[in-house]
Amino acid sequence: MMGDFKQCKGAVIRPDPDEVIAENKSTLTDAFFNDPTGTDMSKLFATRMEIQCS
């Protein structure tokens, strides 16, 4: 089964905070800026790993 994943590529995605804010400024609220840990918006800033296998 391990042989099925020989053609995998991974990429670490680190969002640019300024870009995230610019793209989402219509949905950002004062509450977000006052308490960034208490909102789901923090997920937009999370570093993530994307993996594609063929």
N, C-alpha and C. Protein backbone atom coordinates (compact mmCIF):
# COMPACT_ATOMS: atom_id res chain seq x y z
N MET A 1 0.82 -1.20 0.00
CA MET A 1 0.00 0.00 0.00
C MET A 1 0.86 1.26 0.00
N MET A 2 2.01 1.22 0.60
CA MET A 2 2.86 2.41 0.65
C MET A 2 3.29 2.84 -0.74
N GLY A 3 3.40 1.92 -1.69
CA GLY A 3 3.82 2.25 -3.04
C GLY A 3 2.84 3.15 -3.75
N ASP A 4 1.59 3.21 -3.29
CA ASP A 4 0.57 4.04 -3.91
C ASP A 4 0.84 5.54 -3.75
N PHE A 5 1.74 5.88 -2.86
CA PHE A 5 1.95 7.29 -2.54
C PHE A 5 3.31 7.81 -2.99
N LYS A 6 3.91 7.19 -4.00
CA LYS A 6 5.23 7.62 -4.46
C LYS A 6 5.18 8.98 -5.14
N GLN A 7 4.06 9.34 -5.73
CA GLN A 7 3.96 10.58 -6.49
C GLN A 7 3.26 11.68 -5.69
N CYS A 8 3.61 11.80 -4.42
CA CYS A 8 3.00 12.83 -3.58
C CYS A 8 3.88 14.07 -3.51
N LYS A 9 3.22 15.21 -3.48
CA LYS A 9 3.92 16.48 -3.31
C LYS A 9 3.26 17.22 -2.17
N GLY A 10 4.08 17.80 -1.31
CA GLY A 10 3.55 18.55 -0.18
C GLY A 10 3.99 20.00 -0.25
N ALA A 11 3.14 20.87 0.27
CA ALA A 11 3.47 22.29 0.31
C ALA A 11 2.98 22.87 1.63
N VAL A 12 3.85 23.59 2.31
CA VAL A 12 3.46 24.28 3.54
C VAL A 12 2.95 25.66 3.15
N ILE A 13 1.73 25.96 3.56
CA ILE A 13 1.10 27.24 3.22
C ILE A 13 1.09 28.12 4.46
N ARG A 14 1.78 29.25 4.36
CA ARG A 14 1.81 30.23 5.46
C ARG A 14 1.14 31.51 4.96
N PRO A 15 -0.10 31.73 5.33
CA PRO A 15 -0.80 32.93 4.84
C PRO A 15 -0.12 34.22 5.26
N ASP A 16 -0.15 35.19 4.37
CA ASP A 16 0.36 36.53 4.66
C ASP A 16 -0.74 37.28 5.42
N PRO A 17 -0.50 37.68 6.67
CA PRO A 17 -1.55 38.34 7.46
C PRO A 17 -2.15 39.56 6.78
N ASP A 18 -1.33 40.37 6.13
CA ASP A 18 -1.85 41.56 5.45
C ASP A 18 -2.78 41.18 4.30
N GLU A 19 -2.42 40.11 3.60
CA GLU A 19 -3.23 39.65 2.48
C GLU A 19 -4.57 39.07 2.98
N VAL A 20 -4.52 38.30 4.06
CA VAL A 20 -5.74 37.73 4.64
C VAL A 20 -6.69 38.84 5.08
N ILE A 21 -6.14 39.85 5.74
CA ILE A 21 -6.97 40.97 6.20
C ILE A 21 -7.57 41.71 5.00
N ALA A 22 -6.78 41.95 3.98
CA ALA A 22 -7.27 42.66 2.80
C ALA A 22 -8.39 41.88 2.11
N GLU A 23 -8.24 40.54 2.03
CA GLU A 23 -9.24 39.72 1.36
C GLU A 23 -10.51 39.57 2.17
N ASN A 24 -10.43 39.75 3.49
CA ASN A 24 -11.57 39.48 4.36
C ASN A 24 -12.03 40.70 5.16
N LYS A 25 -11.59 41.88 4.76
CA LYS A 25 -11.90 43.05 5.59
C LYS A 25 -13.39 43.33 5.69
N SER A 26 -14.18 42.86 4.74
CA SER A 26 -15.62 43.09 4.83
C SER A 26 -16.26 42.24 5.93
N THR A 27 -15.60 41.14 6.32
CA THR A 27 -16.16 40.27 7.35
C THR A 27 -15.45 40.42 8.70
N LEU A 28 -14.33 41.13 8.70
CA LEU A 28 -13.62 41.34 9.97
C LEU A 28 -14.36 42.38 10.79
N THR A 29 -14.43 42.15 12.08
CA THR A 29 -15.14 43.08 12.96
C THR A 29 -14.21 43.58 14.05
N ASP A 30 -14.67 44.58 14.76
CA ASP A 30 -13.88 45.08 15.89
C ASP A 30 -13.63 43.98 16.90
N ALA A 31 -14.59 43.07 17.05
CA ALA A 31 -14.43 41.98 18.01
C ALA A 31 -13.24 41.11 17.63
N PHE A 32 -13.02 40.91 16.34
CA PHE A 32 -11.88 40.12 15.91
C PHE A 32 -10.57 40.76 16.35
N PHE A 33 -10.46 42.06 16.14
CA PHE A 33 -9.21 42.74 16.49
C PHE A 33 -9.03 42.85 18.00
N ASN A 34 -10.14 42.91 18.75
CA ASN A 34 -10.06 42.98 20.21
C ASN A 34 -9.77 41.61 20.82
N ASP A 35 -10.23 40.53 20.17
CA ASP A 35 -10.07 39.18 20.70
C ASP A 35 -9.83 38.20 19.57
N PRO A 36 -8.64 38.23 18.94
CA PRO A 36 -8.39 37.37 17.78
C PRO A 36 -8.40 35.88 18.10
N THR A 37 -8.24 35.51 19.36
CA THR A 37 -8.24 34.07 19.70
C THR A 37 -9.65 33.56 19.91
N GLY A 38 -10.63 34.42 20.03
CA GLY A 38 -11.99 34.00 20.32
C GLY A 38 -12.88 33.94 19.10
N THR A 39 -12.28 33.84 17.93
CA THR A 39 -13.08 33.86 16.71
C THR A 39 -12.56 32.84 15.71
N ASP A 40 -13.42 32.37 14.84
CA ASP A 40 -13.02 31.42 13.80
C ASP A 40 -12.12 32.07 12.76
N MET A 41 -12.08 33.40 12.74
CA MET A 41 -11.23 34.09 11.77
C MET A 41 -9.77 33.71 11.94
N SER A 42 -9.38 33.27 13.14
CA SER A 42 -7.98 32.89 13.36
C SER A 42 -7.57 31.74 12.46
N LYS A 43 -8.53 30.94 11.99
CA LYS A 43 -8.21 29.83 11.09
C LYS A 43 -7.64 30.34 9.77
N LEU A 44 -7.99 31.55 9.39
CA LEU A 44 -7.48 32.12 8.14
C LEU A 44 -5.98 32.35 8.21
N PHE A 45 -5.45 32.50 9.43
CA PHE A 45 -4.03 32.80 9.60
C PHE A 45 -3.20 31.55 9.90
N ALA A 46 -3.85 30.39 9.98
CA ALA A 46 -3.15 29.16 10.37
C ALA A 46 -2.24 28.67 9.26
N THR A 47 -1.05 28.20 9.64
CA THR A 47 -0.17 27.53 8.69
C THR A 47 -0.74 26.14 8.45
N ARG A 48 -0.79 25.74 7.19
CA ARG A 48 -1.35 24.43 6.88
C ARG A 48 -0.47 23.70 5.87
N MET A 49 -0.66 22.39 5.77
CA MET A 49 0.09 21.55 4.84
C MET A 49 -0.89 21.02 3.82
N GLU A 50 -0.59 21.21 2.55
CA GLU A 50 -1.40 20.66 1.48
C GLU A 50 -0.60 19.56 0.80
N ILE A 51 -1.24 18.41 0.62
CA ILE A 51 -0.58 17.26 0.00
C ILE A 51 -1.41 16.79 -1.18
N GLN A 52 -0.76 16.59 -2.31
CA GLN A 52 -1.43 16.06 -3.49
C GLN A 52 -0.71 14.79 -3.92
N CYS A 53 -1.48 13.73 -4.11
CA CYS A 53 -0.91 12.45 -4.55
C CYS A 53 -1.56 12.04 -5.86
N SER A 54 -0.72 11.46 -6.73
CA SER A 54 -1.28 10.99 -8.00
C SER A 54 -1.08 9.50 -8.15
